[in-house]
N, C-alpha and C. Protein backbone atom coordinates (compact mmCIF):
# COMPACT_ATOMS: atom_id res chain seq x y z
N MET A 1 0.91 -1.24 0.09
CA MET A 1 -0.02 -0.09 0.00
C MET A 1 0.95 1.39 0.03
N MET A 2 0.74 2.17 -0.94
CA MET A 2 1.39 3.42 -1.02
C MET A 2 0.82 4.51 -0.17
N ARG A 3 1.30 4.48 1.06
CA ARG A 3 0.71 5.40 2.15
C ARG A 3 1.51 6.71 2.26
N GLU A 4 2.75 6.74 1.75
CA GLU A 4 3.61 7.86 1.96
C GLU A 4 3.66 8.54 0.44
N ARG A 5 4.11 9.76 0.50
CA ARG A 5 4.42 10.50 -0.78
C ARG A 5 5.76 11.16 -0.52
N VAL A 6 6.56 11.03 -1.60
CA VAL A 6 7.80 11.73 -1.57
C VAL A 6 8.13 12.49 -2.80
N PHE A 7 8.80 13.70 -2.70
CA PHE A 7 9.22 14.50 -3.74
C PHE A 7 10.63 14.26 -4.04
N VAL A 8 11.00 13.88 -5.16
CA VAL A 8 12.36 13.46 -5.55
C VAL A 8 12.83 14.48 -6.66
N TYR A 9 14.05 15.05 -6.54
CA TYR A 9 14.52 16.03 -7.49
C TYR A 9 15.84 15.74 -8.08
N GLY A 10 16.44 14.55 -7.76
CA GLY A 10 17.86 14.33 -8.27
C GLY A 10 17.96 12.98 -8.88
N THR A 11 18.82 12.16 -8.36
CA THR A 11 19.11 10.84 -8.85
C THR A 11 18.07 9.86 -8.84
N LEU A 12 17.01 10.07 -8.01
CA LEU A 12 15.84 9.25 -7.88
C LEU A 12 14.84 9.51 -9.06
N ARG A 13 14.91 10.59 -9.67
CA ARG A 13 13.86 10.88 -10.80
C ARG A 13 14.15 9.91 -11.95
N ARG A 14 13.12 9.80 -12.73
CA ARG A 14 13.24 8.99 -14.06
C ARG A 14 14.46 9.38 -14.79
N GLY A 15 15.21 8.39 -15.12
CA GLY A 15 16.53 8.55 -15.86
C GLY A 15 17.76 8.75 -14.94
N GLY A 16 17.38 8.91 -13.60
CA GLY A 16 18.51 9.13 -12.71
C GLY A 16 19.11 7.82 -12.20
N SER A 17 20.37 7.83 -11.71
CA SER A 17 21.15 6.65 -11.36
C SER A 17 20.60 5.88 -10.28
N ASN A 18 19.72 6.45 -9.44
CA ASN A 18 19.14 5.72 -8.31
C ASN A 18 17.64 5.46 -8.42
N HIS A 19 17.15 5.73 -9.70
CA HIS A 19 15.63 5.65 -9.96
C HIS A 19 15.16 4.26 -9.60
N ASP A 20 15.97 3.16 -9.72
CA ASP A 20 15.55 1.95 -9.54
C ASP A 20 15.06 1.69 -8.06
N LEU A 21 15.40 2.49 -7.17
CA LEU A 21 15.01 2.34 -5.78
C LEU A 21 13.55 2.85 -5.58
N ILE A 22 13.00 3.63 -6.49
CA ILE A 22 11.78 4.17 -6.41
C ILE A 22 10.88 3.73 -7.58
N ALA A 23 11.42 3.00 -8.51
CA ALA A 23 10.64 2.58 -9.70
C ALA A 23 9.34 1.74 -9.37
N ASP A 24 9.38 1.13 -8.29
CA ASP A 24 8.10 0.31 -7.86
C ASP A 24 7.04 1.19 -7.22
N GLY A 25 7.45 2.48 -7.04
CA GLY A 25 6.49 3.39 -6.35
C GLY A 25 5.47 3.84 -7.56
N ARG A 26 4.45 4.60 -7.13
CA ARG A 26 3.51 5.08 -8.17
C ARG A 26 3.89 6.53 -8.46
N LEU A 27 4.18 6.76 -9.68
CA LEU A 27 4.54 8.17 -10.12
C LEU A 27 3.23 8.93 -10.16
N LEU A 28 3.07 10.01 -9.35
CA LEU A 28 1.79 10.79 -9.34
C LEU A 28 1.98 11.85 -10.35
N GLY A 29 3.16 12.51 -10.52
CA GLY A 29 3.35 13.47 -11.48
C GLY A 29 4.48 14.38 -11.21
N GLU A 30 4.91 15.25 -12.14
CA GLU A 30 5.82 16.18 -12.01
C GLU A 30 5.32 17.36 -11.18
N PHE A 31 6.19 18.12 -10.35
CA PHE A 31 5.86 19.14 -9.48
C PHE A 31 7.01 20.20 -9.49
N VAL A 32 6.60 21.41 -9.42
CA VAL A 32 7.63 22.47 -9.24
C VAL A 32 7.28 23.18 -7.85
N THR A 33 8.26 23.20 -7.01
CA THR A 33 8.05 23.72 -5.66
C THR A 33 7.79 25.29 -5.74
N GLU A 34 7.41 25.75 -4.59
CA GLU A 34 7.24 27.25 -4.47
C GLU A 34 8.77 27.69 -4.35
N PRO A 35 9.09 28.94 -4.68
CA PRO A 35 10.46 29.50 -4.54
C PRO A 35 10.95 29.53 -3.13
N ALA A 36 10.98 28.43 -2.49
CA ALA A 36 11.56 28.29 -1.14
C ALA A 36 12.84 27.61 -0.83
N TYR A 37 13.34 27.04 -1.96
CA TYR A 37 14.63 26.28 -1.85
C TYR A 37 15.67 26.70 -2.94
N ARG A 38 16.96 26.17 -2.67
CA ARG A 38 17.94 26.30 -3.60
C ARG A 38 18.50 24.92 -3.77
N MET A 39 18.73 24.54 -5.17
CA MET A 39 19.26 23.29 -5.52
C MET A 39 20.79 23.46 -5.81
N LEU A 40 21.60 22.79 -5.11
CA LEU A 40 23.05 22.86 -5.20
C LEU A 40 23.60 21.65 -5.82
N ASP A 41 24.65 21.92 -6.65
CA ASP A 41 25.48 20.80 -7.22
C ASP A 41 26.49 20.36 -6.19
N LEU A 42 26.33 19.12 -5.71
CA LEU A 42 27.21 18.54 -4.81
C LEU A 42 28.15 17.47 -5.37
N GLY A 43 28.28 17.44 -6.70
CA GLY A 43 29.13 16.56 -7.49
C GLY A 43 28.30 15.64 -8.23
N TYR A 44 28.18 14.44 -7.64
CA TYR A 44 27.34 13.23 -8.36
C TYR A 44 25.92 13.42 -8.09
N TYR A 45 25.43 14.31 -7.14
CA TYR A 45 24.03 14.33 -6.83
C TYR A 45 23.81 15.71 -6.40
N PRO A 46 22.52 16.16 -6.31
CA PRO A 46 22.15 17.55 -5.86
C PRO A 46 21.78 17.49 -4.34
N GLY A 47 21.79 18.67 -3.86
CA GLY A 47 21.24 18.84 -2.50
C GLY A 47 20.34 20.09 -2.45
N VAL A 48 19.31 19.95 -1.74
CA VAL A 48 18.41 21.13 -1.77
C VAL A 48 18.43 21.71 -0.27
N VAL A 49 18.51 23.10 -0.24
CA VAL A 49 18.61 23.79 1.12
C VAL A 49 17.56 24.90 1.02
N ALA A 50 17.31 25.61 2.05
CA ALA A 50 16.32 26.75 2.15
C ALA A 50 16.96 27.83 1.21
N GLY A 51 16.03 28.48 0.55
CA GLY A 51 16.59 29.61 -0.34
C GLY A 51 15.27 30.16 -1.00
N GLY A 52 15.51 30.87 -2.18
CA GLY A 52 14.40 31.52 -2.79
C GLY A 52 14.20 31.14 -4.21
N ALA A 53 14.49 29.90 -4.51
CA ALA A 53 14.20 29.40 -5.87
C ALA A 53 13.33 28.14 -5.84
N ALA A 54 12.72 27.88 -7.05
CA ALA A 54 11.85 26.65 -7.27
C ALA A 54 12.80 25.48 -7.58
N VAL A 55 12.17 24.28 -7.22
CA VAL A 55 12.88 23.01 -7.65
C VAL A 55 11.89 22.09 -8.35
N LEU A 56 12.40 21.60 -9.55
CA LEU A 56 11.61 20.68 -10.31
C LEU A 56 11.83 19.30 -9.89
N GLY A 57 10.83 18.45 -9.73
CA GLY A 57 10.96 17.11 -9.43
C GLY A 57 9.73 16.20 -9.77
N GLU A 58 9.62 15.12 -9.09
CA GLU A 58 8.49 14.13 -9.28
C GLU A 58 7.95 13.67 -7.95
N VAL A 59 6.69 13.58 -7.86
CA VAL A 59 6.09 12.98 -6.61
C VAL A 59 5.70 11.60 -6.82
N TYR A 60 6.10 10.78 -5.79
CA TYR A 60 5.84 9.30 -6.04
C TYR A 60 4.94 8.97 -4.68
N GLY A 61 4.12 8.01 -4.95
CA GLY A 61 3.49 7.34 -3.71
C GLY A 61 4.42 6.10 -3.52
N VAL A 62 4.84 6.02 -2.17
CA VAL A 62 5.69 4.88 -1.87
C VAL A 62 5.14 4.22 -0.63
N THR A 63 5.57 2.93 -0.43
CA THR A 63 5.35 2.30 0.92
C THR A 63 6.23 2.71 1.95
N PRO A 64 5.90 2.53 3.17
CA PRO A 64 6.87 2.75 4.30
C PRO A 64 8.18 2.13 4.13
N SER A 65 8.28 0.89 3.66
CA SER A 65 9.55 0.30 3.50
C SER A 65 10.31 0.89 2.44
N MET A 66 9.73 1.39 1.39
CA MET A 66 10.49 2.13 0.36
C MET A 66 10.93 3.38 0.92
N LEU A 67 10.25 4.07 1.71
CA LEU A 67 10.67 5.20 2.34
C LEU A 67 11.95 5.02 3.35
N GLN A 68 11.92 3.98 3.89
CA GLN A 68 13.11 3.53 4.81
C GLN A 68 14.31 3.38 3.91
N THR A 69 14.08 2.62 2.73
CA THR A 69 15.21 2.47 1.82
C THR A 69 15.78 3.87 1.35
N LEU A 70 14.85 4.81 1.11
CA LEU A 70 15.31 6.23 0.62
C LEU A 70 16.08 6.86 1.74
N ASP A 71 15.51 6.74 2.93
CA ASP A 71 16.11 7.30 4.16
C ASP A 71 17.56 6.77 4.24
N ARG A 72 17.78 5.56 4.04
CA ARG A 72 19.23 4.96 4.13
C ARG A 72 20.07 5.52 2.97
N LEU A 73 19.57 5.69 1.79
CA LEU A 73 20.24 6.26 0.59
C LEU A 73 20.69 7.66 0.97
N GLU A 74 19.75 8.42 1.58
CA GLU A 74 19.94 9.85 1.82
C GLU A 74 20.74 10.09 3.13
N ASP A 75 21.05 9.02 3.93
CA ASP A 75 21.75 9.11 5.17
C ASP A 75 21.03 9.92 6.20
N VAL A 76 19.73 9.75 6.24
CA VAL A 76 18.89 10.53 7.24
C VAL A 76 19.17 10.09 8.61
N PRO A 77 19.58 10.85 9.53
CA PRO A 77 19.55 12.31 9.59
C PRO A 77 20.87 12.94 9.49
N HIS A 78 21.84 12.24 9.12
CA HIS A 78 23.28 12.81 9.04
C HIS A 78 23.51 13.86 7.86
N LEU A 79 23.20 13.29 6.65
CA LEU A 79 23.54 14.05 5.44
C LEU A 79 22.21 14.80 4.98
N TYR A 80 21.08 14.26 5.22
CA TYR A 80 19.82 14.89 4.79
C TYR A 80 18.90 14.69 5.97
N ILE A 81 17.85 15.64 5.97
CA ILE A 81 16.66 15.32 6.84
C ILE A 81 15.51 15.44 5.96
N ARG A 82 14.40 14.87 6.48
CA ARG A 82 13.17 14.96 5.82
C ARG A 82 12.22 16.16 6.28
N ASP A 83 11.75 16.80 5.40
CA ASP A 83 10.83 17.88 5.66
C ASP A 83 9.59 17.57 4.79
N SER A 84 8.54 18.26 5.03
CA SER A 84 7.31 18.11 4.21
C SER A 84 7.06 19.30 3.47
N LEU A 85 6.36 19.25 2.32
CA LEU A 85 5.90 20.22 1.47
C LEU A 85 4.52 19.82 0.87
N HIS A 86 3.76 20.84 0.43
CA HIS A 86 2.40 20.55 -0.08
C HIS A 86 2.49 20.41 -1.56
N THR A 87 1.86 19.39 -2.07
CA THR A 87 1.79 19.13 -3.51
C THR A 87 0.34 19.08 -3.91
N PRO A 88 0.14 18.89 -5.15
CA PRO A 88 -1.38 18.63 -5.62
C PRO A 88 -1.85 17.33 -5.19
N TRP A 89 -0.97 16.41 -4.80
CA TRP A 89 -1.41 15.07 -4.25
C TRP A 89 -1.45 14.89 -2.71
N GLY A 90 -1.27 16.04 -2.11
CA GLY A 90 -1.17 16.14 -0.57
C GLY A 90 0.20 16.26 -0.23
N LYS A 91 0.39 16.19 1.10
CA LYS A 91 1.75 16.39 1.71
C LYS A 91 2.86 15.30 1.18
N ALA A 92 3.93 15.78 0.83
CA ALA A 92 4.96 14.83 0.43
C ALA A 92 6.32 15.19 1.20
N TRP A 93 7.12 14.14 1.32
CA TRP A 93 8.50 14.36 2.00
C TRP A 93 9.34 15.04 0.96
N ILE A 94 10.24 15.87 1.33
CA ILE A 94 11.30 16.31 0.55
C ILE A 94 12.71 16.10 1.43
N TYR A 95 13.82 15.76 0.74
CA TYR A 95 15.06 15.60 1.40
C TYR A 95 15.80 16.88 1.42
N ILE A 96 16.14 17.42 2.63
CA ILE A 96 16.93 18.65 2.70
C ILE A 96 18.32 18.36 3.11
N TYR A 97 19.28 18.91 2.36
CA TYR A 97 20.72 18.76 2.72
C TYR A 97 20.99 19.52 3.94
N ARG A 98 21.90 18.94 4.88
CA ARG A 98 22.00 19.57 6.06
C ARG A 98 23.56 19.94 6.47
N ARG A 99 24.44 19.72 5.39
CA ARG A 99 25.83 20.14 5.64
C ARG A 99 26.13 21.52 5.10
N PRO A 100 27.18 22.10 5.56
CA PRO A 100 27.64 23.39 5.10
C PRO A 100 27.80 23.41 3.54
N VAL A 101 27.35 24.48 3.00
CA VAL A 101 27.41 24.34 1.48
C VAL A 101 27.95 25.69 0.93
N ILE A 102 28.98 26.24 1.53
CA ILE A 102 29.54 27.49 1.22
C ILE A 102 30.03 27.62 -0.19
N THR A 103 30.59 26.60 -0.80
CA THR A 103 31.15 26.64 -2.20
C THR A 103 30.48 25.88 -3.18
N ALA A 104 29.38 25.26 -2.87
CA ALA A 104 28.59 24.42 -3.83
C ALA A 104 27.85 25.35 -4.75
N PRO A 105 28.07 25.16 -6.14
CA PRO A 105 27.43 26.01 -7.08
C PRO A 105 25.87 25.74 -7.20
N GLN A 106 25.06 26.68 -7.41
CA GLN A 106 23.55 26.45 -7.35
C GLN A 106 23.22 25.87 -8.88
N VAL A 107 22.24 25.07 -8.82
CA VAL A 107 21.75 24.56 -10.14
C VAL A 107 20.78 25.53 -10.80
N PRO A 108 21.05 26.13 -11.86
CA PRO A 108 20.19 27.13 -12.54
C PRO A 108 18.84 26.38 -13.00
N GLY A 109 17.74 27.01 -12.56
CA GLY A 109 16.49 26.57 -12.91
C GLY A 109 15.95 25.40 -12.10
N GLY A 110 16.82 24.89 -11.07
CA GLY A 110 16.23 23.88 -10.13
C GLY A 110 15.96 22.52 -10.82
N ASP A 111 16.49 22.24 -11.93
CA ASP A 111 16.15 21.00 -12.60
C ASP A 111 17.53 20.11 -12.73
N TRP A 112 17.70 19.21 -11.90
CA TRP A 112 18.98 18.36 -11.85
C TRP A 112 19.16 17.64 -13.08
N MET A 113 18.13 17.01 -13.63
CA MET A 113 18.30 16.17 -14.85
C MET A 113 18.67 16.94 -16.05
N ARG A 114 18.16 18.03 -16.29
CA ARG A 114 18.59 18.93 -17.24
C ARG A 114 20.07 19.43 -17.12
N TYR A 115 20.34 19.90 -15.91
CA TYR A 115 21.76 20.32 -15.55
C TYR A 115 22.73 19.26 -15.68
N ALA A 116 22.54 18.04 -15.14
CA ALA A 116 23.37 16.92 -15.19
C ALA A 116 23.64 16.50 -16.54
N HIS A 117 22.76 16.70 -17.47
CA HIS A 117 22.93 16.35 -18.90
C HIS A 117 23.40 17.43 -19.77
N GLY A 118 23.93 18.49 -19.10
CA GLY A 118 24.52 19.54 -19.82
C GLY A 118 23.55 20.56 -20.62
N GLN A 119 22.19 20.52 -20.06
CA GLN A 119 21.28 21.30 -20.83
C GLN A 119 20.89 22.57 -19.85
N GLY A 120 21.54 22.65 -18.74
CA GLY A 120 20.98 23.67 -17.98
C GLY A 120 21.84 24.83 -17.70
């Protein structure tokens, strides 16, 4: 039963290197957040922190065990924490990066897939 919703914006999105971890979830749709975040390039993956930009991603319905798998991938609560945001499908979790990010470049347009493929 898909009781949880999660907003994914990086390697978990369709075409991303970790998408297989969420592929059995139910894709509810694409979503652009309010301009309350900044997406940063952390090398092989992005991180989202508080800021004044929008982030593009996908909302999935997932099982509690899938959410636990995602928490392990995101190293909650050490590397990321989970916060909630409102989507057209109800409340969803978003992973927020929690380490200092003084030198990390911002991803223009908040779209990791476009940026990672050299289109951003």
